[in-house]
């Protein structure tokens, strides 16, 4: 019996929780020889609108703005390369990468819907009630607003456990 080819979106960022979620997904969700497609998605924060003056009377030069954009692009490239390295040993699994700009909560859901993914995997930062109220929870937003199943992977607090549990 042939297995269904699935498209699985994994949201990645520069956090340990994100790396753990991808590793866990590779060990527990993606199966060898499955012909699954794994989509690694990194969402860059939206462009900040800078006024000519920064509030203290200093001007932001174009050079500084260009440096800030270069840094954002470098971070995105580093995150994607690190995620691709974790996937390097997969057999018959296609790995695609995407870098988008915007609020991660909305972009992850939108990309998942537009691509028609079968499942989304996101890490959980484990924020408490107060931090989550102020910062918002990407994983919770995706779980509530996505049209496909969302797997939220929480990194164990035990720091001795460096590898994902199976």
Foldseek 3Di string as FASTA:
>chain_A
DAADAFEEEQEWADDPQSVQQLLQCVVPPDDAPNLYEYEYEYEQEADDDDDQANVVRDGDDVVNVVVVVVVSVVRVVVGVVVSVVSVVPGHNYHYHYDYHYYDLLVVVQVVCVVVVGQEYEYEWPPDDPVCCVVVNTSQVSCCVPHPHYYHYHYDDPPPVCSHHDD
